[in-house]
Amino acid sequence: MAEPLEDLAPLDYRALAPQALVRACLDTADELAWQEFVRRFQKLVASVALRTARRWGESSPQIVDELVQETYLKLCADDCRLLRSFHSMHEDAIYGFVKVLTANLVHDHFKAMRSQKRGGRAQSEPLDSGGVVQTEVRGKVGGAQEVERDVLIGEIDNCLRSVDQGPNAGRDRRVFWLYYRAGLPASAIAALPTIGLSTKGVESSLLRLTRLVRKTLVRERGERASRSAEGEGIQPLESLS
């Protein structure tokens, strides 16, 4: 006879091999699994980001921190597409994969910056995000839908910059996108040493920003709709000759 579910001991994710841990994150979306993922890979991601940035003459803690967060965003974008598509040839291959991905992301970042300084157009991937309401943005879309999604994401990003300009604005914005773009749970975001917030602190920041962004979006869309309605008013008779 099977044991009652409540009698089963919680899975110890720290005891899992790397590939099994990744699979647990992808299959269960368990917050504890993602916490362990961050704990296990954080040192590697941070050290590679710092070492690679230094090759470009950059060692600012803020820049390196942003690159670390971007690495997690990249790993988890599109329902963790990169992690799902990775096929390990041996148990620890995932470490090499994360190392190469981090280094490439940092190189691409500084190449883009250099190209912009020279007046060229840097090639970059479109911003991807879960949006304020995840069902509004997530999912595979194409054509007009993809354009609409990109517009919405741009609106959200602009709102974030306008409604949160305090001393912790950069950190709060990273928290927002790690949750909505990468899909990391609040506890996993709090586990990042550079965030400096408890799980409750992350949840509080997300709640505050989500409300502010939603309120701002609704107001701005209402204003645009009002201006559009005024612009489509009935033409005077004398103009209809």
Protein backbone atom coordinates (compact mmCIF):
# COMPACT_ATOMS: atom_id res chain seq x y z
CA MET A 1 0.00 0.00 0.00
CA ALA A 2 1.37 3.43 -0.98
CA GLU A 3 2.32 5.86 1.75
CA PRO A 4 -0.05 8.78 2.29
CA LEU A 5 1.25 11.86 0.48
CA GLU A 6 1.54 13.85 3.70
CA ASP A 7 3.85 11.20 5.18
CA LEU A 8 6.41 11.48 2.38
CA ALA A 9 9.59 13.34 3.34
CA PRO A 10 10.34 16.44 1.21
CA LEU A 11 12.91 15.87 -1.51
CA ASP A 12 16.43 16.94 -0.58
CA TYR A 13 17.47 18.85 -3.68
CA ARG A 14 20.99 19.38 -2.32
CA ALA A 15 21.56 15.64 -2.69
CA LEU A 16 20.62 15.58 -6.38
CA ALA A 17 23.19 15.34 -9.14
CA PRO A 18 23.38 18.51 -11.32
CA GLN A 19 21.36 17.18 -14.24
CA ALA A 20 18.72 15.72 -11.92
CA LEU A 21 18.43 19.10 -10.20
CA VAL A 22 17.90 20.88 -13.52
CA ARG A 23 15.26 18.33 -14.45
CA ALA A 24 13.52 18.88 -11.12
CA CYS A 25 13.44 22.63 -11.74
CA LEU A 26 11.96 22.15 -15.21
CA ASP A 27 9.44 19.45 -14.30
CA THR A 28 8.21 20.55 -10.88
CA ALA A 29 8.75 24.33 -10.75
CA ASP A 30 9.35 23.76 -7.05
CA GLU A 31 10.64 26.90 -5.31
CA LEU A 32 13.08 24.82 -3.27
CA ALA A 33 14.51 23.30 -6.44
CA TRP A 34 15.13 26.76 -7.92
CA GLN A 35 16.66 27.93 -4.66
CA GLU A 36 19.15 25.09 -4.87
CA PHE A 37 19.79 25.85 -8.55
CA VAL A 38 20.72 29.45 -7.69
CA ARG A 39 22.83 28.35 -4.71
CA ARG A 40 24.72 25.81 -6.78
CA PHE A 41 25.38 27.92 -9.89
CA GLN A 42 25.66 31.43 -8.45
CA LYS A 43 29.39 31.30 -7.70
CA LEU A 44 30.17 29.97 -11.18
CA VAL A 45 28.02 32.55 -12.98
CA ALA A 46 29.38 35.45 -10.91
CA SER A 47 33.02 34.46 -11.29
CA VAL A 48 32.77 33.94 -15.05
CA ALA A 49 30.88 37.23 -15.49
CA LEU A 50 33.53 39.12 -13.50
CA ARG A 51 36.50 37.46 -15.20
CA THR A 52 35.06 38.03 -18.68
CA ALA A 53 34.09 41.63 -17.93
CA ARG A 54 37.64 42.35 -16.77
CA ARG A 55 38.92 41.31 -20.20
CA TRP A 56 36.92 44.24 -21.53
CA GLY A 57 38.37 46.55 -18.90
CA GLU A 58 35.22 46.58 -16.78
CA SER A 59 34.96 45.47 -13.15
CA SER A 60 32.13 47.61 -11.78
CA PRO A 61 30.16 45.52 -9.25
CA GLN A 62 26.91 47.01 -10.56
CA ILE A 63 27.66 46.06 -14.18
CA VAL A 64 28.77 42.56 -13.20
CA ASP A 65 25.65 42.15 -11.06
CA GLU A 66 23.46 43.12 -14.01
CA LEU A 67 25.27 40.61 -16.24
CA VAL A 68 24.70 37.88 -13.66
CA GLN A 69 20.98 38.64 -13.60
CA GLU A 70 20.91 38.69 -17.41
CA THR A 71 22.45 35.21 -17.41
CA TYR A 72 19.59 33.87 -15.32
CA LEU A 73 17.11 35.65 -17.57
CA LYS A 74 18.72 34.04 -20.61
CA LEU A 75 18.69 30.59 -19.03
CA CYS A 76 15.02 30.83 -18.11
CA ALA A 77 13.61 32.72 -21.10
CA ASP A 78 10.91 31.10 -23.25
CA ASP A 79 9.97 28.57 -20.59
CA CYS A 80 13.63 27.67 -19.97
CA ARG A 81 14.14 26.82 -23.64
CA LEU A 82 17.95 26.66 -23.39
CA LEU A 83 17.92 24.43 -20.34
CA ARG A 84 15.31 22.17 -21.91
CA SER A 85 17.27 21.83 -25.14
CA PHE A 86 20.57 21.06 -23.40
CA HIS A 87 21.53 17.37 -23.54
CA SER A 88 24.24 16.41 -21.11
CA MET A 89 27.02 14.11 -22.33
CA HIS A 90 28.18 13.55 -18.75
CA GLU A 91 26.91 14.43 -15.29
CA ASP A 92 28.77 17.71 -14.82
CA ALA A 93 28.40 18.98 -18.39
CA ILE A 94 25.77 21.49 -17.28
CA TYR A 95 28.50 23.48 -15.49
CA GLY A 96 30.41 23.87 -18.74
CA PHE A 97 27.23 24.85 -20.52
CA VAL A 98 26.41 27.58 -17.97
CA LYS A 99 30.04 28.78 -18.02
CA VAL A 100 30.10 29.17 -21.81
CA LEU A 101 26.66 30.78 -21.92
CA THR A 102 27.67 33.34 -19.27
CA ALA A 103 30.93 34.21 -21.02
CA ASN A 104 29.20 34.58 -24.40
CA LEU A 105 26.52 36.80 -22.91
CA VAL A 106 29.14 39.09 -21.35
CA HIS A 107 31.14 39.26 -24.60
CA ASP A 108 27.96 40.10 -26.53
CA HIS A 109 27.12 42.83 -24.03
CA PHE A 110 30.44 44.63 -24.44
CA LYS A 111 30.54 44.08 -28.21
CA ALA A 112 27.15 45.77 -28.43
CA MET A 113 28.36 48.67 -26.28
CA ARG A 114 31.45 49.10 -28.43
CA SER A 115 29.38 49.01 -31.60
CA GLN A 116 27.03 51.68 -30.26
CA LYS A 117 29.95 53.94 -29.33
CA ARG A 118 31.24 53.64 -32.88
CA GLY A 119 27.85 54.60 -34.26
CA GLY A 120 26.94 51.15 -35.52
CA ARG A 121 23.74 49.29 -34.85
CA ALA A 122 24.27 46.53 -32.33
CA GLN A 123 22.44 43.34 -32.97
CA SER A 124 20.46 42.29 -29.95
CA GLU A 125 17.68 39.90 -29.15
CA PRO A 126 14.22 41.38 -28.55
CA LEU A 127 13.34 41.92 -24.92
CA ASP A 128 11.38 38.97 -23.64
CA SER A 129 9.24 39.10 -20.56
CA GLY A 130 6.38 37.55 -18.70
CA GLY A 131 4.72 40.95 -18.54
CA VAL A 132 2.71 42.38 -15.69
CA VAL A 133 0.10 39.70 -16.18
CA GLN A 134 1.92 36.61 -17.39
CA THR A 135 -0.90 35.35 -19.61
CA GLU A 136 -0.80 38.62 -21.56
CA VAL A 137 2.72 38.09 -22.79
CA ARG A 138 3.88 34.52 -22.44
CA GLY A 139 3.46 31.89 -25.08
CA LYS A 140 4.65 31.41 -28.62
CA VAL A 141 3.35 34.13 -30.88
CA GLY A 142 4.19 35.43 -34.29
CA GLY A 143 3.44 38.19 -36.75
CA ALA A 144 1.12 40.90 -35.46
CA GLN A 145 0.84 39.21 -32.07
CA GLU A 146 4.60 39.32 -31.62
CA VAL A 147 4.67 43.02 -32.49
CA GLU A 148 1.90 43.68 -29.97
CA ARG A 149 3.78 41.73 -27.33
CA ASP A 150 6.99 43.68 -27.96
CA VAL A 151 5.06 46.95 -27.69
CA LEU A 152 3.55 45.82 -24.38
CA ILE A 153 6.94 44.80 -23.04
CA GLY A 154 8.40 48.14 -24.05
CA GLU A 155 5.56 49.92 -22.27
CA ILE A 156 6.18 47.90 -19.12
CA ASP A 157 9.91 48.62 -19.20
CA ASN A 158 9.26 52.34 -19.64
CA CYS A 159 6.78 52.25 -16.76
CA LEU A 160 9.32 50.57 -14.52
CA ARG A 161 11.84 53.30 -15.20
CA SER A 162 9.32 56.08 -14.62
CA VAL A 163 7.58 54.84 -11.47
CA ASP A 164 10.65 53.60 -9.58
CA GLN A 165 13.57 56.02 -9.50
CA GLY A 166 14.79 55.63 -5.93
CA PRO A 167 18.21 54.42 -4.77
CA ASN A 168 17.17 50.78 -5.21
CA ALA A 169 15.51 51.24 -8.60
CA GLY A 170 18.05 49.11 -10.48
CA ARG A 171 17.76 46.25 -8.02
CA ASP A 172 13.96 46.43 -7.99
CA ARG A 173 13.82 46.37 -11.77
CA ARG A 174 16.06 43.29 -11.87
CA VAL A 175 13.83 41.59 -9.29
CA PHE A 176 10.78 42.39 -11.41
CA TRP A 177 12.24 40.90 -14.59
CA LEU A 178 13.75 37.87 -12.84
CA TYR A 179 10.24 37.04 -11.67
CA TYR A 180 8.28 37.92 -14.81
CA ARG A 181 10.85 37.16 -17.52
CA ALA A 182 12.80 34.29 -16.01
CA GLY A 183 9.98 32.87 -13.92
CA LEU A 184 12.19 32.50 -10.85
CA PRO A 185 10.16 32.26 -7.63
CA ALA A 186 10.61 34.91 -4.95
CA SER A 187 12.61 32.56 -2.73
CA ALA A 188 15.12 31.83 -5.52
CA ILE A 189 15.52 35.54 -6.28
CA ALA A 190 16.12 36.20 -2.59
CA ALA A 191 18.81 33.50 -2.63
CA LEU A 192 20.89 35.64 -5.01
CA PRO A 193 23.47 37.29 -2.73
CA THR A 194 23.51 40.49 -4.79
CA ILE A 195 19.77 41.09 -4.32
CA GLY A 196 20.01 41.64 -0.59
CA LEU A 197 16.34 40.98 0.17
CA SER A 198 14.47 38.30 2.07
CA THR A 199 11.74 36.32 0.32
CA LYS A 200 9.16 38.61 1.95
CA GLY A 201 11.15 41.62 0.76
CA VAL A 202 11.16 40.32 -2.82
CA GLU A 203 7.42 39.65 -2.67
CA SER A 204 6.79 43.14 -1.29
CA SER A 205 8.86 44.75 -4.05
CA LEU A 206 7.05 42.74 -6.73
CA LEU A 207 3.63 43.62 -5.36
CA ARG A 208 4.46 47.32 -5.18
CA LEU A 209 5.95 47.52 -8.68
CA THR A 210 3.23 45.39 -10.27
CA ARG A 211 0.52 47.65 -8.87
CA LEU A 212 2.38 50.80 -9.96
CA VAL A 213 3.04 49.50 -13.47
CA ARG A 214 -0.51 48.24 -13.96
CA LYS A 215 -1.96 51.53 -12.72
CA THR A 216 0.35 53.54 -14.99
CA LEU A 217 -0.40 51.39 -18.03
CA VAL A 218 -4.16 51.68 -17.53
CA ARG A 219 -3.91 55.48 -17.13
CA GLU A 220 -1.67 55.94 -20.17
CA ARG A 221 -3.83 53.72 -22.36
CA GLY A 222 -6.92 55.63 -21.24
CA GLU A 223 -5.25 58.92 -22.15
CA ARG A 224 -4.24 57.60 -25.57
CA ALA A 225 -7.76 56.31 -26.22
CA SER A 226 -9.20 59.69 -25.25
CA ARG A 227 -6.84 61.55 -27.59
CA SER A 228 -7.62 59.11 -30.38
CA ALA A 229 -11.37 59.59 -29.91
CA GLU A 230 -10.94 63.36 -30.06
CA GLY A 231 -8.90 63.04 -33.25
CA GLU A 232 -11.63 60.97 -34.90
CA GLY A 233 -14.40 63.52 -34.24
CA ILE A 234 -17.00 64.36 -36.85
CA GLN A 235 -15.71 66.71 -39.51
CA PRO A 236 -17.51 70.07 -39.94
CA LEU A 237 -19.96 70.20 -42.85
CA GLU A 238 -17.98 72.85 -44.74
CA SER A 239 -15.06 70.46 -45.05
CA LEU A 240 -17.14 67.82 -46.85
CA SER A 241 -17.39 69.57 -50.20
